[in-house]
Amino acid sequence: MSSPYTPRPGDGVAWVTGASSGIGEHVALRLAREGWTVVISARRAEVLAAIAERAPKPGRIVPLALDVTDRDAVGRAVAEIRERHGEIALAVLNAGTYQPDAADSLDAASFRATHELNVMGTVHCLEAVLPAMIARRRGHLVIVSSVAGYRGLPRALAYGSSKAALINLAESLKMDIERFGLKTQLVNPGFIRTPLTDRNDFPMPFLMPVEDAAERMVAEMKSDRFEITFPRRFTFLLQRLRCLPYPAYFALARRAMPKGG
């Protein structure tokens, strides 16, 4: 089977969710500098508007406030993008959140909220963009997960399980839609300096500036690589940990991470 086509700016617009800060913000700016018209979505309209003002050319970045946990709103947003700006050739599904948690303070409502945003928010976006991409037999989907989804980690009950779900989703999606000529990529960042990692109170090895992470991500989105992961020295080690038997893995994880509480 030949490699799926990688869309270029002339093929349509790019849509980036979770674009009000962190990787989403900087990926959107990077794509705009490379010639894409980029629609950016997040819940904070005023922040999106400020990011749009930093576009290399007026109108190159288009703000569209959206809560991706609202399925109907996502459908309306995608219809609006197609009507006003053209077909979505590239969708970077990055919206997500992280709240540290632990067994002695487990709260089902908070757990559900994390999964609603990280998992169902992504699913809502996929549901909205896939029909037109399949009909055109052209499109590029980028699902942003995390190395936290590789294996269980302390204080990441909701976050880790949501990211594991996204990894599995991306793997299944790739095999299901490549017959339509669509391209699927999975992004698993390590520790990137963003407002989310600023909440961490433990050592973060190989912490990577968000600008460097966005540059690496956009560059590798042009490749045929399924998984995009960075910083490579750190994520290579974590990929090897996935192969360890449980006793060895749990011993290393306990030693590396705080117990909490």
C-alpha atoms as a PDB file:
ATOM      1  CA  MET A   1       0.000   0.000   0.000  1.00  0.00           C
ATOM      2  CA  SER A   2       1.372   3.419  -0.976  1.00  0.00           C
ATOM      3  CA  SER A   3       1.847   6.113   1.638  1.00  0.00           C
ATOM      4  CA  PRO A   4      -1.137   8.440   2.151  1.00  0.00           C
ATOM      5  CA  TYR A   5      -0.904  11.877   0.606  1.00  0.00           C
ATOM      6  CA  THR A   6       0.313  14.623   2.941  1.00  0.00           C
ATOM      7  CA  PRO A   7      -1.842  17.726   2.353  1.00  0.00           C
ATOM      8  CA  ARG A   8      -0.223  21.084   1.643  1.00  0.00           C
ATOM      9  CA  PRO A   9      -1.550  24.603   2.287  1.00  0.00           C
ATOM     10  CA  GLY A  10      -3.151  24.772  -1.145  1.00  0.00           C
ATOM     11  CA  ASP A  11      -5.324  21.746  -0.371  1.00  0.00           C
ATOM     12  CA  GLY A  12      -7.453  23.460   2.253  1.00  0.00           C
ATOM     13  CA  VAL A  13      -7.218  24.892   5.750  1.00  0.00           C
ATOM     14  CA  ALA A  14      -5.660  23.558   8.920  1.00  0.00           C
ATOM     15  CA  TRP A  15      -7.682  23.282  12.133  1.00  0.00           C
ATOM     16  CA  VAL A  16      -5.898  23.182  15.493  1.00  0.00           C
ATOM     17  CA  THR A  17      -7.823  22.535  18.710  1.00  0.00           C
ATOM     18  CA  GLY A  18      -6.496  23.356  22.160  1.00  0.00           C
ATOM     19  CA  ALA A  19      -4.725  26.274  20.519  1.00  0.00           C
ATOM     20  CA  SER A  20      -4.928  28.887  23.286  1.00  0.00           C
ATOM     21  CA  SER A  21      -1.601  27.888  24.833  1.00  0.00           C
ATOM     22  CA  GLY A  22       1.231  25.365  24.803  1.00  0.00           C
ATOM     23  CA  ILE A  23       1.877  23.090  21.842  1.00  0.00           C
ATOM     24  CA  GLY A  24      -1.398  23.962  20.124  1.00  0.00           C
ATOM     25  CA  GLU A  25      -0.644  27.686  20.103  1.00  0.00           C
ATOM     26  CA  HIS A  26       2.876  27.267  18.764  1.00  0.00           C
ATOM     27  CA  VAL A  27       1.963  24.625  16.188  1.00  0.00           C
ATOM     28  CA  ALA A  28      -0.694  26.986  14.834  1.00  0.00           C
ATOM     29  CA  LEU A  29       1.820  29.832  14.546  1.00  0.00           C
ATOM     30  CA  ARG A  30       4.324  27.522  12.875  1.00  0.00           C
ATOM     31  CA  LEU A  31       1.767  26.263  10.341  1.00  0.00           C
ATOM     32  CA  ALA A  32       0.760  29.852   9.556  1.00  0.00           C
ATOM     33  CA  ARG A  33       4.391  30.747   8.875  1.00  0.00           C
ATOM     34  CA  GLU A  34       4.531  27.814   6.455  1.00  0.00           C
ATOM     35  CA  GLY A  35       1.631  29.195   4.437  1.00  0.00           C
ATOM     36  CA  TRP A  36      -1.401  27.505   5.971  1.00  0.00           C
ATOM     37  CA  THR A  37      -4.611  29.311   6.811  1.00  0.00           C
ATOM     38  CA  VAL A  38      -5.128  28.030  10.350  1.00  0.00           C
ATOM     39  CA  VAL A  39      -8.399  27.982  12.252  1.00  0.00           C
ATOM     40  CA  ILE A  40      -7.615  27.858  15.964  1.00  0.00           C
ATOM     41  CA  SER A  41     -10.081  26.662  18.571  1.00  0.00           C
ATOM     42  CA  ALA A  42     -10.252  26.689  22.348  1.00  0.00           C
ATOM     43  CA  ARG A  43     -12.719  27.990  24.907  1.00  0.00           C
ATOM     44  CA  ARG A  44     -11.086  31.375  25.571  1.00  0.00           C
ATOM     45  CA  ALA A  45     -12.089  33.657  22.700  1.00  0.00           C
ATOM     46  CA  GLU A  46     -10.002  36.614  23.869  1.00  0.00           C
ATOM     47  CA  VAL A  47      -6.818  34.531  24.009  1.00  0.00           C
ATOM     48  CA  LEU A  48      -7.458  33.132  20.531  1.00  0.00           C
ATOM     49  CA  ALA A  49      -7.945  36.655  19.199  1.00  0.00           C
ATOM     50  CA  ALA A  50      -4.587  37.728  20.638  1.00  0.00           C
ATOM     51  CA  ILE A  51      -2.854  34.745  19.015  1.00  0.00           C
ATOM     52  CA  ALA A  52      -4.484  35.545  15.664  1.00  0.00           C
ATOM     53  CA  GLU A  53      -2.955  39.033  15.833  1.00  0.00           C
ATOM     54  CA  ARG A  54       0.498  37.412  15.871  1.00  0.00           C
ATOM     55  CA  ALA A  55      -0.062  35.730  12.501  1.00  0.00           C
ATOM     56  CA  PRO A  56       2.581  36.440   9.840  1.00  0.00           C
ATOM     57  CA  LYS A  57      -0.160  37.886   7.610  1.00  0.00           C
ATOM     58  CA  PRO A  58      -3.617  39.243   8.478  1.00  0.00           C
ATOM     59  CA  GLY A  59      -6.243  36.526   8.248  1.00  0.00           C
ATOM     60  CA  ARG A  60      -3.705  33.700   8.212  1.00  0.00           C
ATOM     61  CA  ILE A  61      -4.894  32.618  11.686  1.00  0.00           C
ATOM     62  CA  VAL A  62      -8.649  32.576  12.269  1.00  0.00           C
ATOM     63  CA  PRO A  63      -9.979  32.332  15.866  1.00  0.00           C
ATOM     64  CA  LEU A  64     -13.047  30.178  16.482  1.00  0.00           C
ATOM     65  CA  ALA A  65     -14.015  29.742  20.131  1.00  0.00           C
ATOM     66  CA  LEU A  66     -15.230  26.223  20.859  1.00  0.00           C
ATOM     67  CA  ASP A  67     -15.755  23.748  23.678  1.00  0.00           C
ATOM     68  CA  VAL A  68     -14.924  20.387  22.093  1.00  0.00           C
ATOM     69  CA  THR A  69     -16.860  18.529  24.800  1.00  0.00           C
ATOM     70  CA  ASP A  70     -20.037  19.926  23.194  1.00  0.00           C
ATOM     71  CA  ARG A  71     -20.722  17.520  20.329  1.00  0.00           C
ATOM     72  CA  ASP A  72     -23.308  19.717  18.601  1.00  0.00           C
ATOM     73  CA  ALA A  73     -21.076  22.790  18.855  1.00  0.00           C
ATOM     74  CA  VAL A  74     -18.210  20.882  17.239  1.00  0.00           C
ATOM     75  CA  GLY A  75     -20.457  19.886  14.340  1.00  0.00           C
ATOM     76  CA  ARG A  76     -21.539  23.487  13.851  1.00  0.00           C
ATOM     77  CA  ALA A  77     -17.946  24.732  14.050  1.00  0.00           C
ATOM     78  CA  VAL A  78     -16.719  22.330  11.377  1.00  0.00           C
ATOM     79  CA  ALA A  79     -19.626  23.288   9.107  1.00  0.00           C
ATOM     80  CA  GLU A  80     -18.742  26.967   9.637  1.00  0.00           C
ATOM     81  CA  ILE A  81     -15.081  26.371   8.813  1.00  0.00           C
ATOM     82  CA  ARG A  82     -15.976  24.578   5.584  1.00  0.00           C
ATOM     83  CA  GLU A  83     -18.475  27.264   4.570  1.00  0.00           C
ATOM     84  CA  ARG A  84     -16.250  30.257   5.296  1.00  0.00           C
ATOM     85  CA  HIS A  85     -12.738  28.974   4.682  1.00  0.00           C
ATOM     86  CA  GLY A  86     -12.925  25.782   2.629  1.00  0.00           C
ATOM     87  CA  GLU A  87     -12.275  22.128   3.288  1.00  0.00           C
ATOM     88  CA  ILE A  88     -10.282  21.041   6.321  1.00  0.00           C
ATOM     89  CA  ALA A  89      -7.184  19.361   4.908  1.00  0.00           C
ATOM     90  CA  LEU A  90      -5.320  19.056   8.216  1.00  0.00           C
ATOM     91  CA  ALA A  91      -6.831  18.588  11.683  1.00  0.00           C
ATOM     92  CA  VAL A  92      -4.515  18.741  14.695  1.00  0.00           C
ATOM     93  CA  LEU A  93      -6.615  17.458  17.592  1.00  0.00           C
ATOM     94  CA  ASN A  94      -4.736  18.738  20.593  1.00  0.00           C
ATOM     95  CA  ALA A  95      -7.360  19.889  23.124  1.00  0.00           C
ATOM     96  CA  GLY A  96      -6.710  18.353  26.526  1.00  0.00           C
ATOM     97  CA  THR A  97      -6.149  18.930  30.206  1.00  0.00           C
ATOM     98  CA  TYR A  98      -4.236  17.491  33.136  1.00  0.00           C
ATOM     99  CA  GLN A  99      -5.153  17.456  36.810  1.00  0.00           C
ATOM    100  CA  PRO A 100      -2.979  15.455  39.240  1.00  0.00           C
ATOM    101  CA  ASP A 101      -4.981  12.876  41.154  1.00  0.00           C
ATOM    102  CA  ALA A 102      -4.455   9.992  43.532  1.00  0.00           C
ATOM    103  CA  ALA A 103      -6.317   7.016  44.984  1.00  0.00           C
ATOM    104  CA  ASP A 104      -6.960   8.710  48.331  1.00  0.00           C
ATOM    105  CA  SER A 105      -8.648  11.682  46.653  1.00  0.00           C
ATOM    106  CA  LEU A 106     -10.260  10.019  43.645  1.00  0.00           C
ATOM    107  CA  ASP A 107     -13.239  12.006  42.430  1.00  0.00           C
ATOM    108  CA  ALA A 108     -15.426  10.504  39.712  1.00  0.00           C
ATOM    109  CA  ALA A 109     -16.670  13.875  38.467  1.00  0.00           C
ATOM    110  CA  SER A 110     -13.121  15.182  37.952  1.00  0.00           C
ATOM    111  CA  PHE A 111     -12.091  11.891  36.334  1.00  0.00           C
ATOM    112  CA  ARG A 112     -15.049  12.080  33.960  1.00  0.00           C
ATOM    113  CA  ALA A 113     -14.272  15.698  33.058  1.00  0.00           C
ATOM    114  CA  THR A 114     -10.727  14.763  32.055  1.00  0.00           C
ATOM    115  CA  HIS A 115     -11.958  11.943  29.826  1.00  0.00           C
ATOM    116  CA  GLU A 116     -14.726  14.109  28.364  1.00  0.00           C
ATOM    117  CA  LEU A 117     -12.179  16.665  27.192  1.00  0.00           C
ATOM    118  CA  ASN A 118      -9.193  14.483  26.328  1.00  0.00           C
ATOM    119  CA  VAL A 119     -11.017  11.537  24.763  1.00  0.00           C
ATOM    120  CA  MET A 120     -14.562  12.501  23.834  1.00  0.00           C
ATOM    121  CA  GLY A 121     -13.462  15.961  22.689  1.00  0.00           C
ATOM    122  CA  THR A 122     -11.164  14.243  20.191  1.00  0.00           C
ATOM    123  CA  VAL A 123     -13.919  11.836  19.149  1.00  0.00           C
ATOM    124  CA  HIS A 124     -16.362  14.703  18.577  1.00  0.00           C
ATOM    125  CA  CYS A 125     -13.836  16.354  16.250  1.00  0.00           C
ATOM    126  CA  LEU A 126     -13.167  13.120  14.384  1.00  0.00           C
ATOM    127  CA  GLU A 127     -16.883  12.522  13.927  1.00  0.00           C
ATOM    128  CA  ALA A 128     -17.242  15.992  12.411  1.00  0.00           C
ATOM    129  CA  VAL A 129     -14.263  15.984  10.025  1.00  0.00           C
ATOM    130  CA  LEU A 130     -14.094  12.364   8.856  1.00  0.00           C
ATOM    131  CA  PRO A 131     -17.102  12.203   6.496  1.00  0.00           C
ATOM    132  CA  ALA A 132     -15.833  14.981   4.191  1.00  0.00           C
ATOM    133  CA  MET A 133     -12.255  13.663   4.298  1.00  0.00           C
ATOM    134  CA  ILE A 134     -13.412  10.151   3.431  1.00  0.00           C
ATOM    135  CA  ALA A 135     -15.586  11.485   0.606  1.00  0.00           C
ATOM    136  CA  ARG A 136     -12.604  13.404  -0.831  1.00  0.00           C
ATOM    137  CA  ARG A 137     -10.225  10.526  -0.028  1.00  0.00           C
ATOM    138  CA  ARG A 138      -7.786  13.109   1.193  1.00  0.00           C
ATOM    139  CA  GLY A 139      -7.017  14.466   4.650  1.00  0.00           C
ATOM    140  CA  HIS A 140      -4.500  14.456   7.474  1.00  0.00           C
ATOM    141  CA  LEU A 141      -5.434  13.720  11.101  1.00  0.00           C
ATOM    142  CA  VAL A 142      -3.005  14.385  13.954  1.00  0.00           C
ATOM    143  CA  ILE A 143      -4.020  13.139  17.405  1.00  0.00           C
ATOM    144  CA  VAL A 144      -2.004  14.545  20.303  1.00  0.00           C
ATOM    145  CA  SER A 145      -1.644  12.114  23.202  1.00  0.00           C
ATOM    146  CA  SER A 146       1.301  11.801  25.624  1.00  0.00           C
ATOM    147  CA  VAL A 147       3.977   9.381  26.767  1.00  0.00           C
ATOM    148  CA  ALA A 148       1.877   9.244  29.962  1.00  0.00           C
ATOM    149  CA  GLY A 149      -0.328   6.878  27.979  1.00  0.00           C
ATOM    150  CA  TYR A 150       2.439   4.318  27.519  1.00  0.00           C
ATOM    151  CA  ARG A 151       2.095   2.844  31.007  1.00  0.00           C
ATOM    152  CA  GLY A 152       0.531   3.760  34.333  1.00  0.00           C
ATOM    153  CA  LEU A 153       2.181   6.547  36.329  1.00  0.00           C
ATOM    154  CA  PRO A 154       1.624   7.864  39.845  1.00  0.00           C
ATOM    155  CA  ARG A 155      -0.839  10.750  40.205  1.00  0.00           C
ATOM    156  CA  ALA A 156      -2.144  10.299  36.658  1.00  0.00           C
ATOM    157  CA  LEU A 157      -5.181   8.060  37.072  1.00  0.00           C
ATOM    158  CA  ALA A 158      -7.454  10.101  34.815  1.00  0.00           C
ATOM    159  CA  TYR A 159      -4.828  11.733  32.617  1.00  0.00           C
ATOM    160  CA  GLY A 160      -2.801   8.612  31.907  1.00  0.00           C
ATOM    161  CA  SER A 161      -5.818   6.463  31.144  1.00  0.00           C
ATOM    162  CA  SER A 162      -7.232   9.135  28.813  1.00  0.00           C
ATOM    163  CA  LYS A 163      -3.956   9.358  26.923  1.00  0.00           C
ATOM    164  CA  ALA A 164      -3.715   5.571  26.691  1.00  0.00           C
ATOM    165  CA  ALA A 165      -7.180   5.635  25.134  1.00  0.00           C
ATOM    166  CA  LEU A 166      -6.010   8.163  22.540  1.00  0.00           C
ATOM    167  CA  ILE A 167      -2.991   6.035  21.628  1.00  0.00           C
ATOM    168  CA  ASN A 168      -5.228   3.020  21.066  1.00  0.00           C
ATOM    169  CA  LEU A 169      -7.726   5.164  19.162  1.00  0.00           C
ATOM    170  CA  ALA A 170      -5.051   6.522  16.815  1.00  0.00           C
ATOM    171  CA  GLU A 171      -3.664   3.042  16.151  1.00  0.00           C
ATOM    172  CA  SER A 172      -7.099   1.677  15.325  1.00  0.00           C
ATOM    173  CA  LEU A 173      -8.008   4.736  13.258  1.00  0.00           C
ATOM    174  CA  LYS A 174      -4.888   4.448  11.123  1.00  0.00           C
ATOM    175  CA  MET A 175      -5.692   0.876  10.129  1.00  0.00           C
ATOM    176  CA  ASP A 176      -9.338   1.688   9.527  1.00  0.00           C
ATOM    177  CA  ILE A 177      -9.022   4.811   7.359  1.00  0.00           C
ATOM    178  CA  GLU A 178      -5.827   4.291   5.406  1.00  0.00           C
ATOM    179  CA  ARG A 179      -7.905   2.425   2.830  1.00  0.00           C
ATOM    180  CA  PHE A 180      -9.497   5.801   2.059  1.00  0.00           C
ATOM    181  CA  GLY A 181      -6.096   7.404   1.500  1.00  0.00           C
ATOM    182  CA  LEU A 182      -6.214   9.405   4.727  1.00  0.00           C
ATOM    183  CA  LYS A 183      -3.140  10.035   6.824  1.00  0.00           C
ATOM    184  CA  THR A 184      -3.164   9.511  10.595  1.00  0.00           C
ATOM    185  CA  GLN A 185      -0.385  10.466  12.974  1.00  0.00           C
ATOM    186  CA  LEU A 186      -0.038  10.134  16.727  1.00  0.00           C
ATOM    187  CA  VAL A 187       1.948  12.673  18.778  1.00  0.00           C
ATOM    188  CA  ASN A 188       3.341  11.530  22.127  1.00  0.00           C
ATOM    189  CA  PRO A 189       5.299  14.366  23.733  1.00  0.00           C
ATOM    190  CA  GLY A 190       7.442  13.960  26.810  1.00  0.00           C
ATOM    191  CA  PHE A 191       7.872  16.860  29.211  1.00  0.00           C
ATOM    192  CA  ILE A 192       7.275  20.146  27.365  1.00  0.00           C
ATOM    193  CA  ARG A 193       7.323  23.491  29.148  1.00  0.00           C
ATOM    194  CA  THR A 194       3.654  24.522  29.010  1.00  0.00           C
ATOM    195  CA  PRO A 195       1.036  25.745  31.514  1.00  0.00           C
ATOM    196  CA  LEU A 196       0.098  22.080  32.119  1.00  0.00           C
ATOM    197  CA  THR A 197       3.610  20.948  33.078  1.00  0.00           C
ATOM    198  CA  ASP A 198       4.001  24.044  35.244  1.00  0.00           C
ATOM    199  CA  ARG A 199       1.617  22.263  37.647  1.00  0.00           C
ATOM    200  CA  ASN A 200       4.089  19.435  38.233  1.00  0.00           C
ATOM    201  CA  ASP A 201       6.051  19.384  41.477  1.00  0.00           C
ATOM    202  CA  PHE A 202       8.490  16.626  40.505  1.00  0.00           C
ATOM    203  CA  PRO A 203      11.631  16.496  38.343  1.00  0.00           C
ATOM    204  CA  MET A 204      10.921  16.561  34.592  1.00  0.00           C
ATOM    205  CA  PRO A 205      13.930  15.148  32.723  1.00  0.00           C
ATOM    206  CA  PHE A 206      14.812  16.608  29.318  1.00  0.00           C
ATOM    207  CA  LEU A 207      12.176  19.356  29.697  1.00  0.00           C
ATOM    208  CA  MET A 208      11.796  20.811  26.200  1.00  0.00           C
ATOM    209  CA  PRO A 209      10.905  24.414  25.277  1.00  0.00           C
ATOM    210  CA  VAL A 210       7.476  24.535  23.667  1.00  0.00           C
ATOM    211  CA  GLU A 211       8.781  26.395  20.611  1.00  0.00           C
ATOM    212  CA  ASP A 212      11.264  23.580  19.892  1.00  0.00           C
ATOM    213  CA  ALA A 213       8.534  20.970  20.412  1.00  0.00           C
ATOM    214  CA  ALA A 214       6.219  22.693  17.930  1.00  0.00           C
ATOM    215  CA  GLU A 215       8.981  22.986  15.339  1.00  0.00           C
ATOM    216  CA  ARG A 216       9.805  19.287  15.683  1.00  0.00           C
ATOM    217  CA  MET A 217       6.159  18.292  15.516  1.00  0.00           C
ATOM    218  CA  VAL A 218       5.352  20.286  12.379  1.00  0.00           C
ATOM    219  CA  ALA A 219       8.496  19.025  10.654  1.00  0.00           C
ATOM    220  CA  GLU A 220       7.636  15.392  11.373  1.00  0.00           C
ATOM    221  CA  MET A 221       4.028  15.861  10.304  1.00  0.00           C
ATOM    222  CA  LYS A 222       5.442  15.991   6.757  1.00  0.00           C
ATOM    223  CA  SER A 223       6.981  12.537   7.160  1.00  0.00           C
ATOM    224  CA  ASP A 224       5.447   9.073   6.809  1.00  0.00           C
ATOM    225  CA  ARG A 225       6.154   8.370  10.478  1.00  0.00           C
ATOM    226  CA  PHE A 226       3.053   7.251  12.414  1.00  0.00           C
ATOM    227  CA  GLU A 227       4.262   8.177  15.905  1.00  0.00           C
ATOM    228  CA  ILE A 228       5.851  11.565  16.479  1.00  0.00           C
ATOM    229  CA  THR A 229       7.575  11.752  19.840  1.00  0.00           C
ATOM    230  CA  PHE A 230      10.007  14.158  21.497  1.00  0.00           C
ATOM    231  CA  PRO A 231      12.388  14.840  23.169  1.00  0.00           C
ATOM    232  CA  ARG A 232      13.770  11.661  21.602  1.00  0.00           C
ATOM    233  CA  ARG A 233      16.332  10.734  24.276  1.00  0.00           C
ATOM    234  CA  PHE A 234      13.636  10.720  26.943  1.00  0.00           C
ATOM    235  CA  THR A 235      10.858   9.112  24.951  1.00  0.00           C
ATOM    236  CA  PHE A 236      13.203   6.401  23.650  1.00  0.00           C
ATOM    237  CA  LEU A 237      13.772   5.325  27.254  1.00  0.00           C
ATOM    238  CA  LEU A 238      10.043   5.323  27.979  1.00  0.00           C
ATOM    239  CA  GLN A 239       9.358   3.238  24.883  1.00  0.00           C
ATOM    240  CA  ARG A 240      11.804   0.628  26.211  1.00  0.00           C
ATOM    241  CA  LEU A 241      10.013   0.667  29.582  1.00  0.00           C
ATOM    242  CA  ARG A 242       6.842  -0.499  27.843  1.00  0.00           C
ATOM    243  CA  CYS A 243       8.562  -3.841  27.257  1.00  0.00           C
ATOM    244  CA  LEU A 244       9.550  -4.436  30.888  1.00  0.00           C
ATOM    245  CA  PRO A 245       7.683  -7.014  32.993  1.00  0.00           C
ATOM    246  CA  TYR A 246       5.481  -5.456  35.659  1.00  0.00           C
ATOM    247  CA  PRO A 247       7.759  -6.077  38.708  1.00  0.00           C
ATOM    248  CA  ALA A 248      10.672  -4.281  37.049  1.00  0.00           C
ATOM    249  CA  TYR A 249       8.499  -1.482  35.702  1.00  0.00           C
ATOM    250  CA  PHE A 250       6.765  -0.773  39.035  1.00  0.00           C
ATOM    251  CA  ALA A 251      10.109  -0.704  40.845  1.00  0.00           C
ATOM    252  CA  LEU A 252      11.536   1.857  38.422  1.00  0.00           C
ATOM    253  CA  ALA A 253       8.387   3.987  38.408  1.00  0.00           C
ATOM    254  CA  ARG A 254       8.242   4.151  42.201  1.00  0.00           C
ATOM    255  CA  ARG A 255      11.853   5.194  42.337  1.00  0.00           C
ATOM    256  CA  ALA A 256      11.473   7.911  39.700  1.00  0.00           C
ATOM    257  CA  MET A 257       8.173   9.498  40.714  1.00  0.00           C
ATOM    258  CA  PRO A 258       6.868  10.935  43.996  1.00  0.00           C
ATOM    259  CA  LYS A 259       4.331   8.860  45.905  1.00  0.00           C
ATOM    260  CA  GLY A 260       2.086  11.832  46.614  1.00  0.00           C
ATOM    261  CA  GLY A 261      -0.053  12.489  49.633  1.00  0.00           C
END
